[in-house]
N, C-alpha and C. Protein backbone atom coordinates (compact mmCIF):
# COMPACT_ATOMS: atom_id res chain seq x y z
N MET A 1 0.62 -1.33 -0.19
CA MET A 1 0.00 0.13 0.04
C MET A 1 0.96 1.30 0.17
N THR A 2 0.39 2.20 -0.88
CA THR A 2 1.15 3.34 -0.75
C THR A 2 0.72 4.33 0.54
N MET A 3 1.46 5.49 0.91
CA MET A 3 0.97 6.28 1.65
C MET A 3 -0.53 6.87 1.96
N ASN A 4 -0.65 7.18 0.54
CA ASN A 4 -1.80 7.89 0.73
C ASN A 4 -2.93 6.82 0.37
N GLU A 5 -2.96 5.65 0.03
CA GLU A 5 -3.75 4.71 0.53
C GLU A 5 -3.84 4.56 1.97
N ASP A 6 -2.61 4.26 2.63
CA ASP A 6 -2.85 4.48 4.23
C ASP A 6 -3.41 5.32 4.96
N LYS A 7 -3.30 6.60 4.43
CA LYS A 7 -4.14 7.47 4.85
C LYS A 7 -5.82 7.48 4.77
N LYS A 8 -6.05 7.00 3.76
CA LYS A 8 -7.58 6.74 3.23
C LYS A 8 -8.28 5.60 4.09
N GLU A 9 -7.44 4.84 4.34
CA GLU A 9 -7.73 3.78 5.04
C GLU A 9 -8.32 3.95 6.34
N ASP A 10 -7.01 4.84 7.16
CA ASP A 10 -7.17 5.31 8.55
C ASP A 10 -8.63 6.14 8.80
N LEU A 11 -8.88 6.78 7.71
CA LEU A 11 -9.92 7.97 7.58
C LEU A 11 -11.00 7.29 7.58
N LYS A 12 -11.29 6.01 6.80
CA LYS A 12 -12.41 5.62 6.63
C LYS A 12 -12.74 4.74 8.16
N LYS A 13 -11.67 4.14 8.63
CA LYS A 13 -11.53 3.33 9.77
C LYS A 13 -12.07 4.47 10.68
N LYS A 14 -11.91 5.78 10.83
CA LYS A 14 -12.36 6.82 12.17
C LYS A 14 -13.83 6.84 11.80
N VAL A 15 -14.35 7.18 10.32
CA VAL A 15 -15.49 7.45 10.27
C VAL A 15 -16.52 6.28 10.61
N ASP A 16 -16.15 4.88 10.33
CA ASP A 16 -16.98 3.80 10.69
C ASP A 16 -16.96 4.04 12.15
N GLU A 17 -16.01 4.08 13.05
CA GLU A 17 -15.87 3.96 14.33
C GLU A 17 -16.69 5.33 14.87
N SER A 18 -16.78 6.39 14.35
CA SER A 18 -17.75 7.35 14.57
C SER A 18 -19.17 7.15 14.63
N TRP A 19 -19.24 6.32 13.46
CA TRP A 19 -20.97 5.83 13.19
C TRP A 19 -21.34 5.03 14.39
N LYS A 20 -20.57 4.27 14.64
CA LYS A 20 -20.64 3.00 15.55
C LYS A 20 -20.87 3.60 17.01
N GLU A 21 -19.93 4.77 17.39
CA GLU A 21 -20.63 5.49 18.49
C GLU A 21 -21.47 6.31 18.64
N ALA A 22 -22.13 6.82 17.53
CA ALA A 22 -23.31 7.84 17.26
C ALA A 22 -24.30 6.37 17.25
N VAL A 23 -24.41 5.43 16.93
CA VAL A 23 -25.44 4.58 16.85
C VAL A 23 -25.76 3.97 18.47
N SER A 24 -24.32 3.70 19.12
CA SER A 24 -24.19 3.42 20.70
C SER A 24 -25.25 4.32 21.68
N LYS A 25 -24.69 5.65 21.26
CA LYS A 25 -25.42 6.55 21.75
C LYS A 25 -27.21 6.75 21.80
N ASP A 26 -27.69 6.60 20.40
CA ASP A 26 -28.77 6.76 20.09
C ASP A 26 -29.36 5.41 21.02
N LYS A 27 -28.71 4.39 21.16
CA LYS A 27 -29.60 3.22 21.98
C LYS A 27 -29.56 3.53 23.17
N THR A 28 -28.86 4.13 23.71
CA THR A 28 -28.72 4.73 25.02
C THR A 28 -29.86 5.46 25.63
N VAL A 29 -30.08 6.48 24.56
CA VAL A 29 -30.88 7.58 24.90
C VAL A 29 -32.38 7.22 24.62
N SER A 30 -32.38 6.48 23.64
CA SER A 30 -34.06 5.88 23.45
C SER A 30 -34.42 4.99 24.54
N SER A 31 -33.64 4.26 25.00
CA SER A 31 -33.80 3.37 26.32
C SER A 31 -34.02 3.90 27.59
N ASP A 32 -33.63 5.20 27.69
CA ASP A 32 -33.97 6.16 29.12
C ASP A 32 -35.71 5.99 29.23
N PRO A 33 -35.84 5.50 30.21
CA PRO A 33 -37.61 5.45 30.40
C PRO A 33 -38.59 6.91 30.33
N LYS A 34 -37.37 7.79 31.04
CA LYS A 34 -38.02 9.21 31.26
C LYS A 34 -38.17 9.99 29.69
N THR A 35 -37.45 9.57 28.44
CA THR A 35 -37.38 9.87 27.38
C THR A 35 -38.73 9.66 26.65
N PRO A 36 -39.80 10.41 26.31
CA PRO A 36 -40.95 9.71 25.73
C PRO A 36 -40.31 9.43 24.23
N GLU A 37 -41.06 8.29 23.78
CA GLU A 37 -40.64 7.74 22.24
C GLU A 37 -41.20 8.34 21.35
N VAL A 38 -40.65 9.11 20.43
CA VAL A 38 -41.24 9.87 19.19
C VAL A 38 -42.04 8.68 18.23
N PRO A 39 -43.47 8.93 18.01
CA PRO A 39 -44.30 7.96 17.22
C PRO A 39 -43.39 8.23 15.92
N GLU A 40 -43.39 7.27 14.85
CA GLU A 40 -43.24 7.12 13.44
C GLU A 40 -43.92 7.98 12.69
N MET A 41 -43.50 8.78 11.93
CA MET A 41 -44.35 10.16 11.04
C MET A 41 -45.13 9.12 10.16
N THR A 42 -46.16 9.50 10.06
CA THR A 42 -46.95 9.13 8.85
C THR A 42 -48.12 10.25 8.48
N PHE A 43 -48.63 10.17 6.92
CA PHE A 43 -49.42 11.27 6.47
C PHE A 43 -50.40 11.46 7.63
N GLY A 44 -51.04 10.27 8.07
CA GLY A 44 -52.24 10.57 9.11
C GLY A 44 -51.87 11.51 10.42
N LEU A 45 -50.93 11.10 10.84
CA LEU A 45 -50.37 11.76 11.85
C LEU A 45 -50.03 13.08 11.54
N PHE A 46 -49.11 13.30 10.62
CA PHE A 46 -48.88 14.89 10.16
C PHE A 46 -50.41 15.32 9.90
N ILE A 47 -51.44 15.03 9.12
CA ILE A 47 -52.65 15.82 9.26
C ILE A 47 -53.21 15.96 10.70
N SER A 48 -53.32 14.89 11.05
CA SER A 48 -53.84 15.11 12.54
C SER A 48 -53.09 16.50 13.59
N GLY A 49 -51.95 16.80 13.30
CA GLY A 49 -50.89 17.83 13.83
C GLY A 49 -51.66 19.03 13.41
N LEU A 50 -51.85 19.16 12.28
CA LEU A 50 -52.43 20.49 11.31
C LEU A 50 -53.94 20.36 11.71
N LEU A 51 -54.71 19.64 11.78
CA LEU A 51 -56.16 19.39 12.42
C LEU A 51 -55.92 19.97 13.80
N MET A 52 -55.11 19.61 14.56
CA MET A 52 -55.11 20.15 16.00
C MET A 52 -54.92 21.42 15.98
N GLU A 53 -53.60 22.09 15.33
CA GLU A 53 -53.48 23.72 15.18
C GLU A 53 -54.61 24.26 14.61
N ALA A 54 -55.30 23.56 13.67
CA ALA A 54 -56.54 24.47 13.46
C ALA A 54 -57.64 24.58 14.42
N LEU A 55 -57.87 23.59 15.29
CA LEU A 55 -58.70 23.77 16.30
C LEU A 55 -58.42 24.55 17.32
N ILE A 56 -57.41 24.77 17.60
CA ILE A 56 -56.76 25.56 18.45
C ILE A 56 -56.94 27.12 17.92
N ALA A 57 -56.50 27.16 16.68
CA ALA A 57 -56.99 28.80 16.03
C ALA A 57 -58.20 29.06 15.94
N LEU A 58 -59.16 27.91 15.91
CA LEU A 58 -60.56 28.29 15.65
C LEU A 58 -61.17 28.45 17.25
N GLY A 59 -60.47 28.26 18.13
CA GLY A 59 -60.74 28.35 19.58
C GLY A 59 -61.58 27.08 19.95
N ASP A 60 -61.60 26.20 19.32
CA ASP A 60 -62.19 24.96 19.50
C ASP A 60 -61.80 23.94 20.54
N ALA A 61 -60.21 24.34 20.98
CA ALA A 61 -59.51 23.55 21.65
C ALA A 61 -58.99 24.36 22.09
N GLU A 62 -58.40 24.15 23.35
CA GLU A 62 -57.65 25.45 24.39
C GLU A 62 -56.08 25.27 23.61
N HIS A 63 -55.25 26.46 23.87
CA HIS A 63 -53.87 26.53 23.81
C HIS A 63 -53.20 25.31 24.54
N PRO A 64 -52.28 24.84 24.09
CA PRO A 64 -51.05 23.95 25.10
C PRO A 64 -50.73 25.04 26.09
N VAL A 65 -50.34 26.04 25.75
CA VAL A 65 -49.32 26.61 26.63
C VAL A 65 -50.29 27.87 27.50
N THR A 66 -51.09 28.49 26.80
CA THR A 66 -52.20 29.59 27.63
C THR A 66 -53.04 28.95 28.19
N LYS A 67 -53.54 27.54 27.64
CA LYS A 67 -54.83 26.95 28.65
C LYS A 67 -56.02 27.94 27.89
N LYS A 68 -55.86 28.71 27.47
CA LYS A 68 -57.06 29.40 26.82
C LYS A 68 -57.61 29.07 25.03
N LYS A 69 -58.94 29.14 25.08
CA LYS A 69 -59.46 28.98 23.99
C LYS A 69 -59.72 30.43 23.26
N GLU A 70 -58.95 30.86 22.09
CA GLU A 70 -58.99 32.24 21.40
C GLU A 70 -59.25 31.85 19.84
N LEU A 71 -59.92 32.41 19.30
CA LEU A 71 -60.29 32.72 17.87
C LEU A 71 -58.81 33.38 17.27
N SER A 72 -58.40 32.71 16.31
CA SER A 72 -57.54 33.67 15.10
C SER A 72 -58.11 32.99 14.14
N VAL A 73 -58.69 33.89 13.47
CA VAL A 73 -59.21 33.46 11.74
C VAL A 73 -58.13 33.73 10.85
N PRO A 74 -57.33 34.46 10.92
CA PRO A 74 -56.00 34.38 9.85
C PRO A 74 -55.07 33.11 10.12
N HIS A 75 -54.85 32.65 11.12
CA HIS A 75 -54.20 31.38 11.22
C HIS A 75 -55.17 30.37 11.11
N ALA A 76 -56.46 30.17 11.16
CA ALA A 76 -57.32 28.90 10.82
C ALA A 76 -56.90 29.08 9.27
N LYS A 77 -57.21 30.12 8.77
CA LYS A 77 -57.39 30.20 7.05
C LYS A 77 -56.21 29.53 6.74
N PHE A 78 -55.08 30.12 7.30
CA PHE A 78 -53.54 29.34 6.64
C PHE A 78 -53.52 27.98 6.90
N ILE A 79 -54.08 27.54 8.20
CA ILE A 79 -53.87 25.89 8.05
C ILE A 79 -55.03 25.32 6.89
N ILE A 80 -56.06 25.82 7.00
CA ILE A 80 -57.01 25.04 6.10
C ILE A 80 -56.46 25.42 4.77
N GLU A 81 -55.83 26.57 4.31
CA GLU A 81 -55.36 26.50 2.93
C GLU A 81 -54.11 25.54 2.66
N THR A 82 -53.76 25.52 3.85
CA THR A 82 -52.32 24.55 3.73
C THR A 82 -52.67 22.99 3.54
N LEU A 83 -53.76 22.65 4.33
CA LEU A 83 -54.36 21.31 4.06
C LEU A 83 -54.89 21.25 2.61
N ALA A 84 -55.25 22.43 2.16
CA ALA A 84 -56.14 22.09 0.87
C ALA A 84 -54.94 22.11 -0.05
N MET A 85 -54.09 22.94 -0.22
CA MET A 85 -52.75 22.41 -1.00
C MET A 85 -52.44 21.46 -0.97
N LEU A 86 -52.11 20.83 0.09
CA LEU A 86 -51.48 19.55 0.39
C LEU A 86 -52.34 18.59 -0.29
N LYS A 87 -53.58 18.66 -0.44
CA LYS A 87 -54.61 17.88 -0.91
C LYS A 87 -54.21 17.64 -2.78
N ASP A 88 -54.09 19.07 -3.17
CA ASP A 88 -54.09 19.04 -4.40
C ASP A 88 -52.62 18.39 -4.72
N LYS A 89 -51.89 19.05 -4.29
CA LYS A 89 -50.30 18.36 -4.51
C LYS A 89 -49.74 16.90 -4.09
N THR A 90 -50.81 16.18 -3.25
CA THR A 90 -50.62 14.61 -3.19
C THR A 90 -51.81 13.90 -4.13
N LYS A 91 -52.45 14.84 -4.70
CA LYS A 91 -53.79 13.95 -5.55
C LYS A 91 -53.00 12.42 -6.52
N ASN A 92 -53.85 11.60 -6.12
CA ASN A 92 -53.56 10.67 -6.65
C ASN A 92 -52.16 9.72 -6.34
N ASN A 93 -51.45 10.23 -5.10
CA ASN A 93 -50.48 9.73 -4.32
C ASN A 93 -50.82 9.35 -3.06
N LEU A 94 -52.07 9.22 -2.67
CA LEU A 94 -52.41 8.96 -1.46
C LEU A 94 -53.09 7.64 -1.33
N SER A 95 -53.35 6.78 -0.59
CA SER A 95 -53.78 5.87 0.00
C SER A 95 -55.53 6.22 0.05
N LYS A 96 -56.53 5.64 -0.20
CA LYS A 96 -57.80 5.62 -0.18
C LYS A 96 -57.93 6.22 1.49
N GLU A 97 -57.39 5.42 2.24
CA GLU A 97 -57.95 6.44 3.65
C GLU A 97 -57.14 7.35 3.95
N GLU A 98 -56.01 7.62 3.54
CA GLU A 98 -55.21 8.85 3.66
C GLU A 98 -56.25 9.97 2.84
N ASN A 99 -56.69 9.49 1.85
CA ASN A 99 -57.25 11.07 1.12
C ASN A 99 -58.68 11.02 1.56
N ASP A 100 -59.24 9.97 2.13
CA ASP A 100 -60.86 10.22 2.82
C ASP A 100 -60.66 10.81 4.09
N SER A 101 -59.56 10.74 4.78
CA SER A 101 -59.15 11.26 6.21
C SER A 101 -58.81 12.57 5.93
N LEU A 102 -58.03 13.16 4.90
CA LEU A 102 -57.87 14.53 4.72
C LEU A 102 -59.26 15.19 4.07
N GLU A 103 -59.88 14.54 3.38
CA GLU A 103 -60.84 15.33 2.74
C GLU A 103 -62.10 15.50 3.86
N ALA A 104 -62.21 14.68 4.92
CA ALA A 104 -62.99 14.82 5.93
C ALA A 104 -62.45 16.06 6.82
N VAL A 105 -61.37 15.79 7.12
CA VAL A 105 -60.44 17.15 7.82
C VAL A 105 -60.80 18.29 7.10
N LEU A 106 -60.62 18.24 5.88
CA LEU A 106 -61.29 19.81 5.64
C LEU A 106 -62.21 20.10 5.35
N TYR A 107 -63.57 19.05 5.06
CA TYR A 107 -64.86 19.74 5.50
C TYR A 107 -65.11 19.96 6.37
N ASP A 108 -64.61 19.05 7.76
CA ASP A 108 -64.91 19.70 8.89
C ASP A 108 -64.36 21.23 9.34
N LEU A 109 -63.17 21.47 9.05
CA LEU A 109 -62.64 22.41 9.39
C LEU A 109 -63.23 23.81 8.44
N ARG A 110 -63.73 23.54 7.48
CA ARG A 110 -63.87 24.65 6.57
C ARG A 110 -65.63 25.09 7.11
N MET A 111 -66.30 23.84 7.62
CA MET A 111 -67.44 24.21 8.29
C MET A 111 -67.62 24.95 9.63
N ARG A 112 -66.37 24.64 10.07
CA ARG A 112 -66.09 24.98 11.25
C ARG A 112 -65.97 26.73 11.01
N PHE A 113 -64.75 26.83 10.15
CA PHE A 113 -64.35 28.13 9.74
C PHE A 113 -65.66 29.23 9.59
N VAL A 114 -66.40 28.50 8.42
CA VAL A 114 -67.56 29.30 8.26
C VAL A 114 -68.34 29.87 9.53
N GLN A 115 -68.48 28.85 10.21
CA GLN A 115 -69.54 29.34 11.42
C GLN A 115 -68.42 30.48 12.33
N LYS A 116 -67.16 30.23 12.26
CA LYS A 116 -66.58 31.35 13.24
C LYS A 116 -66.36 32.38 12.73
N ALA A 117 -66.15 32.50 11.64
CA ALA A 117 -65.76 33.63 10.61
C ALA A 117 -66.71 34.67 10.58
N GLY A 118 -68.06 34.05 10.38
CA GLY A 118 -69.14 34.53 10.18
C GLY A 118 -69.66 35.53 11.36
N LYS A 119 -69.32 35.20 12.78
CA LYS A 119 -70.00 35.74 13.50
C LYS A 119 -69.57 37.20 13.85
């Protein structure tokens, strides 16, 4: 082996070792009972998060920090428009269940929005 090949081999070994170290640390952190496990991200979970944010903006659910129910029409409108944009951009790329869920969420939020914004 030449000197350059030796250096490349040493560098490769260091990278591999650091990767092993990172994986080992991840296992230690995730096994800590005090650390809540993060759920696997799915389209449904993502939509649920936006739904919850819209319900808070519509004043139908209390804000997790302030513990108050407050109406924010512009924020609710933004979330509803975001969901509508996602529906358009993901057309023909969702499962039937995902599509039906998204449509139901959009319908429900739009009806709530009309009731709240009309007052």
